[in-house]
Amino acid sequence: MITLLAAGLCLLAVGGVSCGGGSREISSVAVDSLARADTLALVEGLRLYEEGQYGLAREHLLESSLSGSTYIRAESFLYLNALEMELGNYATARPYLERYHTEAMQLLRRVADSEGQMTQQVARLDRRHKLLIGTVIGVGMLMIGALLFLSERRQRFWAKQNEPVPPSPDISHWKPYLIDAEIFKQTAIYAEIVELAQQPANRSARVLTVTRQQVLDQELAAVFADFAARLRTDFPSLTTGDVKLCCLSLLPLSSFSRALCFGSTETNIIKQRKHQIKKKLAATQGHELFEFIFSNC
């Protein structure tokens, strides 16, 4: 990104260097040399800023902010503001933001002045030249729009960066229930489920019978009693089937294995129920609890 930025800055900086000092003229070679030096200072400052070397980045950006190019000065002050905001130096950052707006407005005025001069010239040219100048004006208007868009976008970006990040929900109190899963893995019904899961995953596979499903429900209710009660209390919208799937999902079982526990060979019923559970959990606990419960899936 910095390499592309450097190329663009070199082109823009050469046309933006101010050759002040009364009537003293500076050769094109000297202008190119100054522009390149300013560009290199800005590019180096941006590189160091991205690497988190803020002290060195500040030195290079301050150097490039003295450039004769309005464009380079504007970019320098913009990133000086970003750097100080990153470090929490808000009082120092504000003047840089003001300087950035000042330089940006100078660029806009230059474009507007150029547009006015070109408009007068169009009146003296033939139709072919008018078409050419009209194209240039269009490009100038696009530049104005691009500058305004980038300025607004950068302001929104830095405003968003300064917004406090809400803390993630604490789900640590759910993790002890993984011990229940280890206990359940010692039961006979779990061994039966694991054995059934060895079958080819097709419609002819044997599933848990209604009687064995009742045994499974009783074992789940006994081993995961606290976990199931907590789910029903915190999420009243969960159905009995939802709670059953949540308990099974704490175990290292595939979607096919869990479908067998519901008396089916279709894994789609598990996917659909998971989707409904995700929406119900997201209302309060968010994505983290869902990921915790279905981490084995």
Protein backbone atom coordinates (compact mmCIF):
# COMPACT_ATOMS: atom_id res chain seq x y z
CA MET A 1 0.00 0.00 0.00
CA ILE A 2 2.84 2.37 0.89
CA THR A 3 4.55 1.69 -2.48
CA LEU A 4 1.41 2.70 -4.38
CA LEU A 5 0.96 5.72 -2.13
CA ALA A 6 4.56 6.79 -2.76
CA ALA A 7 4.03 6.69 -6.53
CA GLY A 8 0.89 8.81 -6.28
CA LEU A 9 2.54 11.29 -3.92
CA CYS A 10 5.53 11.71 -6.25
CA LEU A 11 3.24 12.71 -9.10
CA LEU A 12 1.10 15.04 -7.01
CA ALA A 13 3.92 16.55 -4.98
CA VAL A 14 5.89 17.75 -8.01
CA GLY A 15 2.93 19.82 -9.17
CA GLY A 16 2.17 21.08 -5.66
CA VAL A 17 5.59 22.39 -4.49
CA SER A 18 5.53 26.14 -3.89
CA CYS A 19 8.59 27.98 -5.21
CA GLY A 20 8.39 31.03 -2.97
CA GLY A 21 11.04 33.62 -2.08
CA GLY A 22 10.13 36.68 -4.12
CA SER A 23 11.30 36.57 -7.74
CA ARG A 24 13.88 33.79 -7.08
CA GLU A 25 13.33 30.93 -9.52
CA ILE A 26 14.01 27.27 -8.71
CA SER A 27 14.98 24.86 -11.47
CA SER A 28 12.76 21.88 -12.26
CA VAL A 29 15.52 19.57 -11.00
CA ALA A 30 15.51 21.32 -7.61
CA VAL A 31 11.70 21.14 -7.46
CA ASP A 32 11.79 17.42 -8.21
CA SER A 33 14.43 16.90 -5.51
CA LEU A 34 12.38 18.74 -2.88
CA ALA A 35 9.22 16.89 -3.85
CA ARG A 36 10.91 13.52 -3.64
CA ALA A 37 12.43 14.30 -0.24
CA ASP A 38 9.06 15.40 1.14
CA THR A 39 7.35 12.37 -0.37
CA LEU A 40 9.90 9.97 1.09
CA ALA A 41 9.51 11.57 4.52
CA LEU A 42 5.72 11.16 4.35
CA VAL A 43 5.87 7.57 3.11
CA GLU A 44 8.42 6.65 5.78
CA GLY A 45 6.23 8.27 8.42
CA LEU A 46 3.20 6.25 7.28
CA ARG A 47 5.21 3.03 7.31
CA LEU A 48 6.48 3.64 10.84
CA TYR A 49 2.95 4.59 11.96
CA GLU A 50 1.53 1.31 10.64
CA GLU A 51 4.31 -0.57 12.45
CA GLY A 52 3.47 1.20 15.71
CA GLN A 53 6.74 3.16 15.93
CA TYR A 54 4.95 6.36 16.81
CA GLY A 55 7.95 8.40 17.95
CA LEU A 56 9.89 7.96 14.71
CA ALA A 57 6.68 8.29 12.67
CA ARG A 58 5.99 11.66 14.32
CA GLU A 59 9.45 12.97 13.33
CA HIS A 60 9.02 12.04 9.67
CA LEU A 61 5.46 13.36 9.49
CA LEU A 62 6.50 16.66 11.07
CA GLU A 63 9.27 16.91 8.45
CA SER A 64 6.88 16.26 5.56
CA SER A 65 4.36 18.74 7.04
CA LEU A 66 6.84 21.51 6.12
CA SER A 67 6.63 20.55 2.44
CA GLY A 68 5.86 23.10 -0.23
CA SER A 69 3.23 20.72 -1.57
CA THR A 70 -0.24 21.39 -0.21
CA TYR A 71 -1.20 17.77 -0.82
CA ILE A 72 1.73 16.40 1.18
CA ARG A 73 1.09 18.86 4.00
CA ALA A 74 -2.57 17.83 4.14
CA GLU A 75 -1.70 14.12 4.33
CA SER A 76 0.97 14.79 6.95
CA PHE A 77 -1.37 16.70 9.25
CA LEU A 78 -4.10 14.07 8.79
CA TYR A 79 -1.85 11.26 9.98
CA LEU A 80 -0.29 13.39 12.72
CA ASN A 81 -3.81 13.83 14.03
CA ALA A 82 -4.44 10.09 13.77
CA LEU A 83 -1.15 9.33 15.55
CA GLU A 84 -1.85 11.64 18.48
CA MET A 85 -5.41 10.32 18.77
CA GLU A 86 -3.98 6.80 18.91
CA LEU A 87 -1.73 7.87 21.79
CA GLY A 88 -4.57 9.67 23.57
CA ASN A 89 -3.00 13.15 23.09
CA TYR A 90 -6.30 14.79 22.15
CA ALA A 91 -5.17 18.36 22.85
CA THR A 92 -2.19 17.90 20.53
CA ALA A 93 -4.27 16.13 17.88
CA ARG A 94 -6.86 18.89 17.47
CA PRO A 95 -4.54 21.53 15.90
CA TYR A 96 -3.34 18.95 13.40
CA LEU A 97 -6.93 18.24 12.38
CA GLU A 98 -7.54 21.96 11.94
CA ARG A 99 -4.39 22.29 9.81
CA TYR A 100 -5.54 19.34 7.72
CA HIS A 101 -8.88 21.05 7.00
CA THR A 102 -7.07 24.28 6.12
CA GLU A 103 -4.80 22.50 3.61
CA ALA A 104 -7.70 20.53 2.19
CA MET A 105 -9.67 23.73 1.62
CA GLN A 106 -6.66 25.21 -0.21
CA LEU A 107 -6.71 22.22 -2.52
CA LEU A 108 -10.41 22.71 -3.12
CA ARG A 109 -9.92 26.42 -3.84
CA ARG A 110 -7.16 25.63 -6.30
CA VAL A 111 -9.39 23.21 -8.12
CA ALA A 112 -12.21 25.78 -8.12
CA ASP A 113 -9.86 28.51 -9.44
CA SER A 114 -8.61 26.19 -12.13
CA GLU A 115 -12.19 25.41 -13.06
CA GLY A 116 -13.00 29.11 -13.43
CA GLN A 117 -9.96 29.74 -15.62
CA MET A 118 -10.76 26.77 -17.79
CA THR A 119 -14.37 27.94 -18.15
CA GLN A 120 -13.15 31.32 -19.55
CA GLN A 121 -10.80 29.53 -21.90
CA VAL A 122 -13.59 27.31 -23.21
CA ALA A 123 -15.41 30.40 -24.47
CA ARG A 124 -12.46 31.21 -26.77
CA LEU A 125 -11.90 27.73 -28.14
CA ASP A 126 -13.64 25.84 -30.90
CA ARG A 127 -16.02 22.97 -30.35
CA ARG A 128 -13.29 20.34 -30.31
CA HIS A 129 -11.34 22.18 -27.61
CA LYS A 130 -14.52 22.75 -25.62
CA LEU A 131 -15.12 19.01 -25.48
CA LEU A 132 -11.58 18.43 -24.26
CA ILE A 133 -11.78 21.12 -21.58
CA GLY A 134 -15.20 19.82 -20.50
CA THR A 135 -13.61 16.45 -19.86
CA VAL A 136 -10.91 18.07 -17.73
CA ILE A 137 -13.55 19.94 -15.74
CA GLY A 138 -15.34 16.69 -15.14
CA VAL A 139 -12.15 15.18 -13.77
CA GLY A 140 -11.71 18.22 -11.53
CA MET A 141 -15.23 17.82 -10.16
CA LEU A 142 -14.53 14.15 -9.51
CA MET A 143 -11.42 15.17 -7.58
CA ILE A 144 -13.46 17.58 -5.45
CA GLY A 145 -16.00 14.88 -4.77
CA ALA A 146 -13.27 12.39 -3.95
CA LEU A 147 -11.59 14.81 -1.52
CA LEU A 148 -14.86 15.55 0.24
CA PHE A 149 -15.75 11.86 0.38
CA LEU A 150 -12.35 10.87 1.76
CA SER A 151 -12.44 13.65 4.33
CA GLU A 152 -15.86 12.59 5.61
CA ARG A 153 -14.89 8.92 5.54
CA ARG A 154 -11.73 9.54 7.54
CA GLN A 155 -13.62 11.56 10.13
CA ARG A 156 -16.15 8.73 10.53
CA PHE A 157 -13.33 6.20 10.77
CA TRP A 158 -11.49 8.01 13.54
CA ALA A 159 -14.74 8.75 15.36
CA LYS A 160 -15.54 5.04 15.29
CA GLN A 161 -12.03 4.19 16.51
CA ASN A 162 -12.60 6.33 19.59
CA GLU A 163 -15.90 4.68 20.47
CA PRO A 164 -15.68 2.44 23.57
CA VAL A 165 -15.77 -1.27 22.73
CA PRO A 166 -18.55 -3.07 24.63
CA PRO A 167 -17.22 -5.94 26.74
CA SER A 168 -17.95 -9.49 25.58
CA PRO A 169 -20.54 -11.37 27.64
CA ASP A 170 -18.99 -13.45 30.43
CA ILE A 171 -19.79 -17.13 29.83
CA SER A 172 -17.22 -18.54 32.24
CA HIS A 173 -20.00 -19.64 34.60
CA TRP A 174 -21.26 -22.03 31.90
CA LYS A 175 -17.97 -23.92 31.50
CA PRO A 176 -18.25 -26.08 34.66
CA TYR A 177 -21.13 -27.89 32.96
CA LEU A 178 -18.57 -29.56 30.71
CA ILE A 179 -17.90 -31.85 33.70
CA ASP A 180 -21.48 -33.15 33.30
CA ALA A 181 -20.60 -34.11 29.74
CA GLU A 182 -17.65 -36.17 30.95
CA ILE A 183 -19.93 -37.96 33.42
CA PHE A 184 -22.54 -38.66 30.75
CA LYS A 185 -19.90 -40.26 28.50
CA GLN A 186 -19.67 -43.08 31.07
CA THR A 187 -23.34 -44.08 30.65
CA ALA A 188 -24.58 -47.09 28.69
CA ILE A 189 -26.91 -45.00 26.53
CA TYR A 190 -23.96 -42.88 25.35
CA ALA A 191 -22.06 -46.03 24.36
CA GLU A 192 -25.15 -47.14 22.40
CA ILE A 193 -25.29 -43.78 20.58
CA VAL A 194 -21.60 -44.03 19.67
CA GLU A 195 -22.14 -47.56 18.34
CA LEU A 196 -25.11 -46.48 16.22
CA ALA A 197 -23.05 -43.60 14.82
CA GLN A 198 -20.65 -46.13 13.24
CA GLN A 199 -23.31 -47.00 10.66
CA PRO A 200 -23.28 -45.51 7.16
CA ALA A 201 -25.12 -42.18 7.27
CA ASN A 202 -28.14 -43.07 5.14
CA ARG A 203 -31.88 -43.53 5.56
CA SER A 204 -31.59 -47.25 6.25
CA ALA A 205 -29.49 -46.65 9.39
CA ARG A 206 -30.93 -47.79 12.72
CA VAL A 207 -32.02 -45.02 15.11
CA LEU A 208 -32.81 -44.91 18.79
CA THR A 209 -36.20 -46.47 19.37
CA VAL A 210 -38.89 -44.56 21.22
CA THR A 211 -38.14 -46.60 24.33
CA ARG A 212 -34.40 -45.90 24.13
CA GLN A 213 -35.12 -42.21 23.48
CA GLN A 214 -37.07 -42.13 26.74
CA VAL A 215 -34.07 -43.69 28.50
CA LEU A 216 -31.83 -41.07 26.89
CA ASP A 217 -34.14 -38.25 28.04
CA GLN A 218 -34.07 -39.60 31.60
CA GLU A 219 -30.26 -39.88 31.62
CA LEU A 220 -29.87 -36.36 30.20
CA ALA A 221 -32.31 -34.96 32.78
CA ALA A 222 -30.36 -36.63 35.59
CA VAL A 223 -26.81 -35.76 34.52
CA PHE A 224 -27.46 -32.33 33.01
CA ALA A 225 -30.09 -31.26 35.55
CA ASP A 226 -28.37 -28.02 36.58
CA PHE A 227 -27.39 -27.13 33.01
CA ALA A 228 -30.92 -27.71 31.69
CA ALA A 229 -32.47 -25.75 34.56
CA ARG A 230 -30.16 -22.81 33.93
CA LEU A 231 -31.05 -22.80 30.23
CA ARG A 232 -34.79 -22.83 30.93
CA THR A 233 -34.44 -20.03 33.48
CA ASP A 234 -32.28 -17.75 31.32
CA PHE A 235 -34.03 -18.59 28.03
CA PRO A 236 -37.72 -19.41 28.64
CA SER A 237 -38.38 -19.60 24.89
CA LEU A 238 -36.28 -22.77 24.55
CA THR A 239 -38.38 -25.88 24.00
CA THR A 240 -37.76 -29.33 25.52
CA GLY A 241 -36.21 -30.42 22.22
CA ASP A 242 -33.97 -27.33 22.20
CA VAL A 243 -32.65 -28.10 25.67
CA LYS A 244 -32.09 -31.73 24.71
CA LEU A 245 -30.00 -30.69 21.68
CA CYS A 246 -27.99 -28.24 23.82
CA CYS A 247 -27.14 -31.07 26.25
CA LEU A 248 -26.17 -33.42 23.42
CA SER A 249 -24.05 -30.68 21.84
CA LEU A 250 -21.78 -30.57 24.89
CA LEU A 251 -20.77 -34.10 23.88
CA PRO A 252 -18.39 -34.98 21.02
CA LEU A 253 -21.20 -36.19 18.75
CA SER A 254 -21.68 -35.54 15.04
CA SER A 255 -24.87 -34.10 13.53
CA PHE A 256 -25.77 -37.59 12.33
CA SER A 257 -25.30 -39.01 15.86
CA ARG A 258 -27.54 -36.35 17.36
CA ALA A 259 -30.17 -36.92 14.66
CA LEU A 260 -30.28 -40.61 15.67
CA CYS A 261 -31.05 -39.45 19.22
CA PHE A 262 -34.18 -37.76 17.86
CA GLY A 263 -35.21 -40.93 16.02
CA SER A 264 -34.16 -39.64 12.58
CA THR A 265 -31.37 -40.08 10.06
CA GLU A 266 -31.80 -36.59 8.57
CA THR A 267 -29.17 -34.12 9.76
CA ASN A 268 -31.25 -31.22 8.46
CA ILE A 269 -33.47 -31.39 11.54
CA ILE A 270 -30.38 -30.69 13.66
CA LYS A 271 -29.33 -27.75 11.48
CA GLN A 272 -32.81 -26.22 11.61
CA ARG A 273 -33.08 -26.57 15.38
CA LYS A 274 -29.56 -25.10 15.82
CA HIS A 275 -30.63 -22.07 13.79
CA GLN A 276 -33.67 -21.52 16.01
CA ILE A 277 -31.58 -21.92 19.18
CA LYS A 278 -29.02 -19.42 17.88
CA LYS A 279 -31.70 -16.77 17.43
CA LYS A 280 -33.10 -17.39 20.93
CA LEU A 281 -29.69 -17.22 22.63
CA ALA A 282 -28.61 -14.13 20.70
CA ALA A 283 -31.37 -12.10 22.36
CA THR A 284 -29.37 -11.89 25.61
CA GLN A 285 -26.06 -13.78 25.63
CA GLY A 286 -24.98 -13.20 22.05
CA HIS A 287 -22.80 -15.31 19.83
CA GLU A 288 -20.34 -16.46 22.52
CA LEU A 289 -22.72 -18.77 24.42
CA PHE A 290 -23.96 -20.40 21.21
CA GLU A 291 -20.36 -21.07 20.14
CA PHE A 292 -19.59 -22.52 23.56
CA ILE A 293 -22.49 -24.97 23.51
CA PHE A 294 -22.01 -26.06 19.89
CA SER A 295 -18.19 -26.02 19.88
CA ASN A 296 -18.14 -29.81 19.29
CA CYS A 297 -20.39 -29.55 16.23
